[in-house]
Amino acid sequence: MQADAVAAAILDQAGQELAGITSAVRRTLFSPTEPVAAHTIGGVWASQRLRGRFQLLMELDGTTSVLPPTHQPAYGALLEAIRLASDPH
């Protein structure tokens, strides 16, 4: 039973750390009142506990929404490849 409590604490801490990082990026790129959608992409979000902690913390400001991915991960890689291919330098 103690192992379950330790695992839960690790997932809660991970959700909190990811929310802190995402909040820092949000503050850098957007104004505090601007609505922002944060999309969770990747296998780490399969943990309902981690995702729930992250979503709770991110949505506290009332302007951030946590949403599932809109596209597959390969879509971002394709956009980056197109960007690099069109860069004249």
PDB file of N, CA and C in Angstrom:
ATOM      1  N   MET A   1       0.805  -1.207   0.000  1.00  0.00           N
ATOM      2  CA  MET A   1       0.000   0.000   0.000  1.00  0.00           C
ATOM      3  C   MET A   1       0.847   1.270   0.000  1.00  0.00           C
ATOM      4  N   GLN A   2       1.963   1.249   0.713  1.00  0.00           N
ATOM      5  CA  GLN A   2       2.812   2.430   0.767  1.00  0.00           C
ATOM      6  C   GLN A   2       3.380   2.767  -0.608  1.00  0.00           C
ATOM      7  N   ALA A   3       3.670   1.751  -1.406  1.00  0.00           N
ATOM      8  CA  ALA A   3       4.182   1.985  -2.755  1.00  0.00           C
ATOM      9  C   ALA A   3       3.167   2.756  -3.592  1.00  0.00           C
ATOM     10  N   ASP A   4       1.863   2.461  -3.417  1.00  0.00           N
ATOM     11  CA  ASP A   4       0.831   3.193  -4.147  1.00  0.00           C
ATOM     12  C   ASP A   4       0.843   4.675  -3.772  1.00  0.00           C
ATOM     13  N   ALA A   5       1.019   4.965  -2.498  1.00  0.00           N
ATOM     14  CA  ALA A   5       1.053   6.354  -2.032  1.00  0.00           C
ATOM     15  C   ALA A   5       2.277   7.076  -2.594  1.00  0.00           C
ATOM     16  N   VAL A   6       3.399   6.391  -2.652  1.00  0.00           N
ATOM     17  CA  VAL A   6       4.614   6.987  -3.205  1.00  0.00           C
ATOM     18  C   VAL A   6       4.430   7.249  -4.697  1.00  0.00           C
ATOM     19  N   ALA A   7       3.883   6.289  -5.418  1.00  0.00           N
ATOM     20  CA  ALA A   7       3.639   6.461  -6.850  1.00  0.00           C
ATOM     21  C   ALA A   7       2.681   7.621  -7.102  1.00  0.00           C
ATOM     22  N   ALA A   8       1.630   7.715  -6.309  1.00  0.00           N
ATOM     23  CA  ALA A   8       0.661   8.813  -6.454  1.00  0.00           C
ATOM     24  C   ALA A   8       1.337  10.158  -6.213  1.00  0.00           C
ATOM     25  N   ALA A   9       2.193  10.215  -5.217  1.00  0.00           N
ATOM     26  CA  ALA A   9       2.896  11.463  -4.912  1.00  0.00           C
ATOM     27  C   ALA A   9       3.831  11.849  -6.058  1.00  0.00           C
ATOM     28  N   ILE A  10       4.485  10.873  -6.657  1.00  0.00           N
ATOM     29  CA  ILE A  10       5.367  11.141  -7.798  1.00  0.00           C
ATOM     30  C   ILE A  10       4.568  11.694  -8.973  1.00  0.00           C
ATOM     31  N   LEU A  11       3.413  11.103  -9.257  1.00  0.00           N
ATOM     32  CA  LEU A  11       2.580  11.582 -10.368  1.00  0.00           C
ATOM     33  C   LEU A  11       2.023  12.973 -10.083  1.00  0.00           C
ATOM     34  N   ASP A  12       1.619  13.221  -8.837  1.00  0.00           N
ATOM     35  CA  ASP A  12       1.131  14.556  -8.480  1.00  0.00           C
ATOM     36  C   ASP A  12       2.225  15.601  -8.654  1.00  0.00           C
ATOM     37  N   GLN A  13       3.436  15.263  -8.199  1.00  0.00           N
ATOM     38  CA  GLN A  13       4.567  16.184  -8.331  1.00  0.00           C
ATOM     39  C   GLN A  13       4.893  16.425  -9.804  1.00  0.00           C
ATOM     40  N   ALA A  14       4.851  15.375 -10.615  1.00  0.00           N
ATOM     41  CA  ALA A  14       5.121  15.529 -12.047  1.00  0.00           C
ATOM     42  C   ALA A  14       4.091  16.450 -12.698  1.00  0.00           C
ATOM     43  N   GLY A  15       2.823  16.281 -12.361  1.00  0.00           N
ATOM     44  CA  GLY A  15       1.784  17.163 -12.893  1.00  0.00           C
ATOM     45  C   GLY A  15       2.008  18.605 -12.486  1.00  0.00           C
ATOM     46  N   GLN A  16       2.438  18.798 -11.239  1.00  0.00           N
ATOM     47  CA  GLN A  16       2.712  20.146 -10.744  1.00  0.00           C
ATOM     48  C   GLN A  16       3.918  20.762 -11.457  1.00  0.00           C
ATOM     49  N   GLU A  17       4.964  19.979 -11.658  1.00  0.00           N
ATOM     50  CA  GLU A  17       6.152  20.481 -12.355  1.00  0.00           C
ATOM     51  C   GLU A  17       5.836  20.844 -13.800  1.00  0.00           C
ATOM     52  N   LEU A  18       5.080  19.984 -14.474  1.00  0.00           N
ATOM     53  CA  LEU A  18       4.697  20.272 -15.862  1.00  0.00           C
ATOM     54  C   LEU A  18       3.819  21.514 -15.942  1.00  0.00           C
ATOM     55  N   ALA A  19       2.938  21.700 -14.969  1.00  0.00           N
ATOM     56  CA  ALA A  19       2.104  22.904 -14.939  1.00  0.00           C
ATOM     57  C   ALA A  19       2.964  24.143 -14.726  1.00  0.00           C
ATOM     58  N   GLY A  20       3.981  24.034 -13.879  1.00  0.00           N
ATOM     59  CA  GLY A  20       4.872  25.172 -13.650  1.00  0.00           C
ATOM     60  C   GLY A  20       5.630  25.563 -14.909  1.00  0.00           C
ATOM     61  N   ILE A  21       6.139  24.577 -15.619  1.00  0.00           N
ATOM     62  CA  ILE A  21       6.867  24.834 -16.871  1.00  0.00           C
ATOM     63  C   ILE A  21       5.927  25.442 -17.911  1.00  0.00           C
ATOM     64  N   THR A  22       4.746  24.855 -18.045  1.00  0.00           N
ATOM     65  CA  THR A  22       3.772  25.348 -19.022  1.00  0.00           C
ATOM     66  C   THR A  22       3.329  26.764 -18.677  1.00  0.00           C
ATOM     67  N   SER A  23       3.148  27.048 -17.402  1.00  0.00           N
ATOM     68  CA  SER A  23       2.761  28.401 -16.977  1.00  0.00           C
ATOM     69  C   SER A  23       3.844  29.412 -17.311  1.00  0.00           C
ATOM     70  N   ALA A  24       5.096  29.029 -17.135  1.00  0.00           N
ATOM     71  CA  ALA A  24       6.204  29.934 -17.467  1.00  0.00           C
ATOM     72  C   ALA A  24       6.214  30.258 -18.962  1.00  0.00           C
ATOM     73  N   VAL A  25       6.007  29.250 -19.777  1.00  0.00           N
ATOM     74  CA  VAL A  25       5.944  29.469 -21.226  1.00  0.00           C
ATOM     75  C   VAL A  25       4.739  30.332 -21.566  1.00  0.00           C
ATOM     76  N   ARG A  26       3.613  30.055 -20.942  1.00  0.00           N
ATOM     77  CA  ARG A  26       2.400  30.830 -21.186  1.00  0.00           C
ATOM     78  C   ARG A  26       2.628  32.300 -20.859  1.00  0.00           C
ATOM     79  N   ARG A  27       3.235  32.596 -19.713  1.00  0.00           N
ATOM     80  CA  ARG A  27       3.493  33.986 -19.313  1.00  0.00           C
ATOM     81  C   ARG A  27       4.431  34.685 -20.289  1.00  0.00           C
ATOM     82  N   THR A  28       5.351  33.940 -20.887  1.00  0.00           N
ATOM     83  CA  THR A  28       6.305  34.516 -21.834  1.00  0.00           C
ATOM     84  C   THR A  28       5.647  34.845 -23.175  1.00  0.00           C
ATOM     85  N   LEU A  29       4.725  33.999 -23.608  1.00  0.00           N
ATOM     86  CA  LEU A  29       4.165  34.137 -24.952  1.00  0.00           C
ATOM     87  C   LEU A  29       2.830  34.861 -25.034  1.00  0.00           C
ATOM     88  N   PHE A  30       2.077  34.897 -23.935  1.00  0.00           N
ATOM     89  CA  PHE A  30       0.716  35.433 -23.981  1.00  0.00           C
ATOM     90  C   PHE A  30       0.469  36.411 -22.841  1.00  0.00           C
ATOM     91  N   SER A  31      -0.480  37.324 -23.053  1.00  0.00           N
ATOM     92  CA  SER A  31      -0.867  38.232 -21.973  1.00  0.00           C
ATOM     93  C   SER A  31      -1.692  37.452 -20.944  1.00  0.00           C
ATOM     94  N   PRO A  32      -1.736  37.922 -19.695  1.00  0.00           N
ATOM     95  CA  PRO A  32      -2.436  37.179 -18.638  1.00  0.00           C
ATOM     96  C   PRO A  32      -3.929  36.950 -18.897  1.00  0.00           C
ATOM     97  N   THR A  33      -4.558  37.824 -19.663  1.00  0.00           N
ATOM     98  CA  THR A  33      -5.997  37.692 -19.906  1.00  0.00           C
ATOM     99  C   THR A  33      -6.335  37.006 -21.222  1.00  0.00           C
ATOM    100  N   GLU A  34      -5.312  36.709 -22.024  1.00  0.00           N
ATOM    101  CA  GLU A  34      -5.540  36.077 -23.328  1.00  0.00           C
ATOM    102  C   GLU A  34      -5.877  34.596 -23.157  1.00  0.00           C
ATOM    103  N   PRO A  35      -6.980  34.132 -23.731  1.00  0.00           N
ATOM    104  CA  PRO A  35      -7.310  32.706 -23.644  1.00  0.00           C
ATOM    105  C   PRO A  35      -6.269  31.857 -24.367  1.00  0.00           C
ATOM    106  N   VAL A  36      -5.863  30.773 -23.730  1.00  0.00           N
ATOM    107  CA  VAL A  36      -4.837  29.899 -24.294  1.00  0.00           C
ATOM    108  C   VAL A  36      -5.291  28.450 -24.155  1.00  0.00           C
ATOM    109  N   ALA A  37      -5.062  27.666 -25.202  1.00  0.00           N
ATOM    110  CA  ALA A  37      -5.326  26.227 -25.155  1.00  0.00           C
ATOM    111  C   ALA A  37      -3.988  25.505 -25.035  1.00  0.00           C
ATOM    112  N   ALA A  38      -3.844  24.710 -23.992  1.00  0.00           N
ATOM    113  CA  ALA A  38      -2.650  23.886 -23.804  1.00  0.00           C
ATOM    114  C   ALA A  38      -3.024  22.464 -24.193  1.00  0.00           C
ATOM    115  N   HIS A  39      -2.387  21.950 -25.221  1.00  0.00           N
ATOM    116  CA  HIS A  39      -2.688  20.600 -25.707  1.00  0.00           C
ATOM    117  C   HIS A  39      -1.685  19.612 -25.127  1.00  0.00           C
ATOM    118  N   THR A  40      -2.192  18.539 -24.575  1.00  0.00           N
ATOM    119  CA  THR A  40      -1.345  17.512 -23.973  1.00  0.00           C
ATOM    120  C   THR A  40      -1.000  16.468 -25.035  1.00  0.00           C
ATOM    121  N   ILE A  41       0.288  16.414 -25.377  1.00  0.00           N
ATOM    122  CA  ILE A  41       0.739  15.532 -26.452  1.00  0.00           C
ATOM    123  C   ILE A  41       1.830  14.608 -25.913  1.00  0.00           C
ATOM    124  N   GLY A  42       1.668  13.317 -26.117  1.00  0.00           N
ATOM    125  CA  GLY A  42       2.686  12.356 -25.706  1.00  0.00           C
ATOM    126  C   GLY A  42       2.163  11.358 -24.688  1.00  0.00           C
ATOM    127  N   GLY A  43       2.927  10.331 -24.481  1.00  0.00           N
ATOM    128  CA  GLY A  43       2.520   9.219 -23.639  1.00  0.00           C
ATOM    129  C   GLY A  43       2.381   9.535 -22.165  1.00  0.00           C
ATOM    130  N   VAL A  44       3.080  10.545 -21.678  1.00  0.00           N
ATOM    131  CA  VAL A  44       3.005  10.858 -20.247  1.00  0.00           C
ATOM    132  C   VAL A  44       1.576  11.213 -19.829  1.00  0.00           C
ATOM    133  N   TRP A  45       0.789  11.711 -20.751  1.00  0.00           N
ATOM    134  CA  TRP A  45      -0.572  12.138 -20.440  1.00  0.00           C
ATOM    135  C   TRP A  45      -1.538  10.974 -20.321  1.00  0.00           C
ATOM    136  N   ALA A  46      -1.085   9.753 -20.552  1.00  0.00           N
ATOM    137  CA  ALA A  46      -1.933   8.579 -20.365  1.00  0.00           C
ATOM    138  C   ALA A  46      -2.283   8.390 -18.890  1.00  0.00           C
ATOM    139  N   SER A  47      -1.476   8.946 -18.010  1.00  0.00           N
ATOM    140  CA  SER A  47      -1.763   8.876 -16.576  1.00  0.00           C
ATOM    141  C   SER A  47      -2.875   9.861 -16.238  1.00  0.00           C
ATOM    142  N   GLN A  48      -4.031   9.331 -15.863  1.00  0.00           N
ATOM    143  CA  GLN A  48      -5.161  10.198 -15.516  1.00  0.00           C
ATOM    144  C   GLN A  48      -4.838  11.060 -14.304  1.00  0.00           C
ATOM    145  N   ARG A  49      -4.087  10.503 -13.377  1.00  0.00           N
ATOM    146  CA  ARG A  49      -3.756  11.258 -12.176  1.00  0.00           C
ATOM    147  C   ARG A  49      -2.871  12.467 -12.526  1.00  0.00           C
ATOM    148  N   LEU A  50      -1.824  12.228 -13.302  1.00  0.00           N
ATOM    149  CA  LEU A  50      -0.920  13.303 -13.701  1.00  0.00           C
ATOM    150  C   LEU A  50      -1.669  14.347 -14.521  1.00  0.00           C
ATOM    151  N   ARG A  51      -2.425  13.898 -15.503  1.00  0.00           N
ATOM    152  CA  ARG A  51      -3.178  14.811 -16.374  1.00  0.00           C
ATOM    153  C   ARG A  51      -4.186  15.624 -15.568  1.00  0.00           C
ATOM    154  N   GLY A  52      -4.843  14.967 -14.609  1.00  0.00           N
ATOM    155  CA  GLY A  52      -5.825  15.662 -13.789  1.00  0.00           C
ATOM    156  C   GLY A  52      -5.204  16.748 -12.933  1.00  0.00           C
ATOM    157  N   ARG A  53      -4.040  16.442 -12.336  1.00  0.00           N
ATOM    158  CA  ARG A  53      -3.339  17.445 -11.517  1.00  0.00           C
ATOM    159  C   ARG A  53      -2.904  18.616 -12.380  1.00  0.00           C
ATOM    160  N   PHE A  54      -2.337  18.318 -13.544  1.00  0.00           N
ATOM    161  CA  PHE A  54      -1.903  19.345 -14.487  1.00  0.00           C
ATOM    162  C   PHE A  54      -3.079  20.230 -14.893  1.00  0.00           C
ATOM    163  N   GLN A  55      -4.184  19.600 -15.274  1.00  0.00           N
ATOM    164  CA  GLN A  55      -5.350  20.356 -15.737  1.00  0.00           C
ATOM    165  C   GLN A  55      -5.906  21.234 -14.630  1.00  0.00           C
ATOM    166  N   LEU A  56      -6.006  20.698 -13.432  1.00  0.00           N
ATOM    167  CA  LEU A  56      -6.507  21.476 -12.302  1.00  0.00           C
ATOM    168  C   LEU A  56      -5.676  22.737 -12.101  1.00  0.00           C
ATOM    169  N   LEU A  57      -4.365  22.576 -12.087  1.00  0.00           N
ATOM    170  CA  LEU A  57      -3.481  23.722 -11.846  1.00  0.00           C
ATOM    171  C   LEU A  57      -3.486  24.710 -13.002  1.00  0.00           C
ATOM    172  N   MET A  58      -3.497  24.221 -14.222  1.00  0.00           N
ATOM    173  CA  MET A  58      -3.454  25.115 -15.380  1.00  0.00           C
ATOM    174  C   MET A  58      -4.745  25.912 -15.541  1.00  0.00           C
ATOM    175  N   GLU A  59      -5.858  25.317 -15.209  1.00  0.00           N
ATOM    176  CA  GLU A  59      -7.141  25.985 -15.447  1.00  0.00           C
ATOM    177  C   GLU A  59      -7.572  26.885 -14.285  1.00  0.00           C
ATOM    178  N   LEU A  60      -6.749  26.987 -13.262  1.00  0.00           N
ATOM    179  CA  LEU A  60      -7.072  27.858 -12.130  1.00  0.00           C
ATOM    180  C   LEU A  60      -7.187  29.326 -12.538  1.00  0.00           C
ATOM    181  N   ASP A  61      -6.426  29.746 -13.551  1.00  0.00           N
ATOM    182  CA  ASP A  61      -6.432  31.156 -13.953  1.00  0.00           C
ATOM    183  C   ASP A  61      -7.692  31.560 -14.716  1.00  0.00           C
ATOM    184  N   GLY A  62      -8.475  30.598 -15.156  1.00  0.00           N
ATOM    185  CA  GLY A  62      -9.713  30.903 -15.858  1.00  0.00           C
ATOM    186  C   GLY A  62      -9.536  31.256 -17.324  1.00  0.00           C
ATOM    187  N   THR A  63      -8.297  31.307 -17.798  1.00  0.00           N
ATOM    188  CA  THR A  63      -8.062  31.642 -19.210  1.00  0.00           C
ATOM    189  C   THR A  63      -7.334  30.539 -19.961  1.00  0.00           C
ATOM    190  N   THR A  64      -6.884  29.519 -19.261  1.00  0.00           N
ATOM    191  CA  THR A  64      -6.177  28.415 -19.904  1.00  0.00           C
ATOM    192  C   THR A  64      -7.066  27.183 -19.940  1.00  0.00           C
ATOM    193  N   SER A  65      -7.165  26.557 -21.094  1.00  0.00           N
ATOM    194  CA  SER A  65      -7.905  25.314 -21.262  1.00  0.00           C
ATOM    195  C   SER A  65      -6.917  24.213 -21.603  1.00  0.00           C
ATOM    196  N   VAL A  66      -7.061  23.063 -20.969  1.00  0.00           N
ATOM    197  CA  VAL A  66      -6.218  21.911 -21.276  1.00  0.00           C
ATOM    198  C   VAL A  66      -7.029  20.971 -22.152  1.00  0.00           C
ATOM    199  N   LEU A  67      -6.493  20.683 -23.340  1.00  0.00           N
ATOM    200  CA  LEU A  67      -7.211  19.898 -24.334  1.00  0.00           C
ATOM    201  C   LEU A  67      -6.358  18.749 -24.852  1.00  0.00           C
ATOM    202  N   PRO A  68      -6.991  17.713 -25.366  1.00  0.00           N
ATOM    203  CA  PRO A  68      -6.224  16.637 -26.005  1.00  0.00           C
ATOM    204  C   PRO A  68      -5.625  17.142 -27.318  1.00  0.00           C
ATOM    205  N   PRO A  69      -4.694  16.390 -27.896  1.00  0.00           N
ATOM    206  CA  PRO A  69      -4.064  16.827 -29.146  1.00  0.00           C
ATOM    207  C   PRO A  69      -5.076  17.021 -30.274  1.00  0.00           C
ATOM    208  N   THR A  70      -4.801  18.001 -31.101  1.00  0.00           N
ATOM    209  CA  THR A  70      -5.609  18.233 -32.294  1.00  0.00           C
ATOM    210  C   THR A  70      -5.083  17.407 -33.453  1.00  0.00           C
ATOM    211  N   HIS A  71      -3.760  17.172 -33.464  1.00  0.00           N
ATOM    212  CA  HIS A  71      -3.088  16.445 -34.540  1.00  0.00           C
ATOM    213  C   HIS A  71      -2.176  15.376 -33.942  1.00  0.00           C
ATOM    214  N   GLN A  72      -1.768  14.445 -34.780  1.00  0.00           N
ATOM    215  CA  GLN A  72      -0.788  13.440 -34.381  1.00  0.00           C
ATOM    216  C   GLN A  72       0.587  14.113 -34.250  1.00  0.00           C
ATOM    217  N   PRO A  73       1.493  13.551 -33.424  1.00  0.00           N
ATOM    218  CA  PRO A  73       2.818  14.152 -33.255  1.00  0.00           C
ATOM    219  C   PRO A  73       3.579  14.350 -34.568  1.00  0.00           C
ATOM    220  N   ALA A  74       3.387  13.487 -35.531  1.00  0.00           N
ATOM    221  CA  ALA A  74       4.095  13.613 -36.809  1.00  0.00           C
ATOM    222  C   ALA A  74       3.735  14.906 -37.526  1.00  0.00           C
ATOM    223  N   TYR A  75       2.577  15.458 -37.247  1.00  0.00           N
ATOM    224  CA  TYR A  75       2.148  16.706 -37.878  1.00  0.00           C
ATOM    225  C   TYR A  75       3.114  17.840 -37.519  1.00  0.00           C
ATOM    226  N   GLY A  76       3.490  17.922 -36.247  1.00  0.00           N
ATOM    227  CA  GLY A  76       4.446  18.951 -35.819  1.00  0.00           C
ATOM    228  C   GLY A  76       5.798  18.767 -36.475  1.00  0.00           C
ATOM    229  N   ALA A  77       6.231  17.521 -36.595  1.00  0.00           N
ATOM    230  CA  ALA A  77       7.497  17.240 -37.257  1.00  0.00           C
ATOM    231  C   ALA A  77       7.435  17.654 -38.725  1.00  0.00           C
ATOM    232  N   LEU A  78       6.316  17.412 -39.363  1.00  0.00           N
ATOM    233  CA  LEU A  78       6.149  17.810 -40.765  1.00  0.00           C
ATOM    234  C   LEU A  78       6.197  19.328 -40.905  1.00  0.00           C
ATOM    235  N   LEU A  79       5.532  20.051 -40.025  1.00  0.00           N
ATOM    236  CA  LEU A  79       5.573  21.517 -40.077  1.00  0.00           C
ATOM    237  C   LEU A  79       6.995  22.033 -39.907  1.00  0.00           C
ATOM    238  N   GLU A  80       7.738  21.419 -38.987  1.00  0.00           N
ATOM    239  CA  GLU A  80       9.122  21.838 -38.777  1.00  0.00           C
ATOM    240  C   GLU A  80       9.971  21.538 -40.009  1.00  0.00           C
ATOM    241  N   ALA A  81       9.762  20.397 -40.638  1.00  0.00           N
ATOM    242  CA  ALA A  81      10.502  20.056 -41.853  1.00  0.00           C
ATOM    243  C   ALA A  81      10.199  21.048 -42.971  1.00  0.00           C
ATOM    244  N   ILE A  82       8.950  21.434 -43.107  1.00  0.00           N
ATOM    245  CA  ILE A  82       8.567  22.420 -44.130  1.00  0.00           C
ATOM    246  C   ILE A  82       9.226  23.760 -43.823  1.00  0.00           C
ATOM    247  N   ARG A  83       9.217  24.146 -42.555  1.00  0.00           N
ATOM    248  CA  ARG A  83       9.837  25.413 -42.169  1.00  0.00           C
ATOM    249  C   ARG A  83      11.329  25.404 -42.492  1.00  0.00           C
ATOM    250  N   LEU A  84      12.005  24.319 -42.146  1.00  0.00           N
ATOM    251  CA  LEU A  84      13.445  24.230 -42.417  1.00  0.00           C
ATOM    252  C   LEU A  84      13.743  24.205 -43.915  1.00  0.00           C
ATOM    253  N   ALA A  85      12.899  23.524 -44.677  1.00  0.00           N
ATOM    254  CA  ALA A  85      13.100  23.445 -46.118  1.00  0.00           C
ATOM    255  C   ALA A  85      12.908  24.787 -46.801  1.00  0.00           C
ATOM    256  N   SER A  86      12.063  25.627 -46.227  1.00  0.00           N
ATOM    257  CA  SER A  86      11.788  26.924 -46.857  1.00  0.00           C
ATOM    258  C   SER A  86      12.701  28.027 -46.340  1.00  0.00           C
ATOM    259  N   ASP A  87      13.548  27.731 -45.347  1.00  0.00           N
ATOM    260  CA  ASP A  87      14.478  28.719 -44.801  1.00  0.00           C
ATOM    261  C   ASP A  87      15.632  28.908 -45.793  1.00  0.00           C
ATOM    262  N   PRO A  88      15.842  30.135 -46.291  1.00  0.00           N
ATOM    263  CA  PRO A  88      16.868  30.375 -47.302  1.00  0.00           C
ATOM    264  C   PRO A  88      18.300  30.273 -46.758  1.00  0.00           C
ATOM    265  N   HIS A  89      18.495  30.213 -45.462  1.00  0.00           N
ATOM    266  CA  HIS A  89      19.852  30.188 -44.902  1.00  0.00           C
ATOM    267  C   HIS A  89      20.279  28.803 -44.670  1.00  0.00           C
TER     268      HIS A  89
END
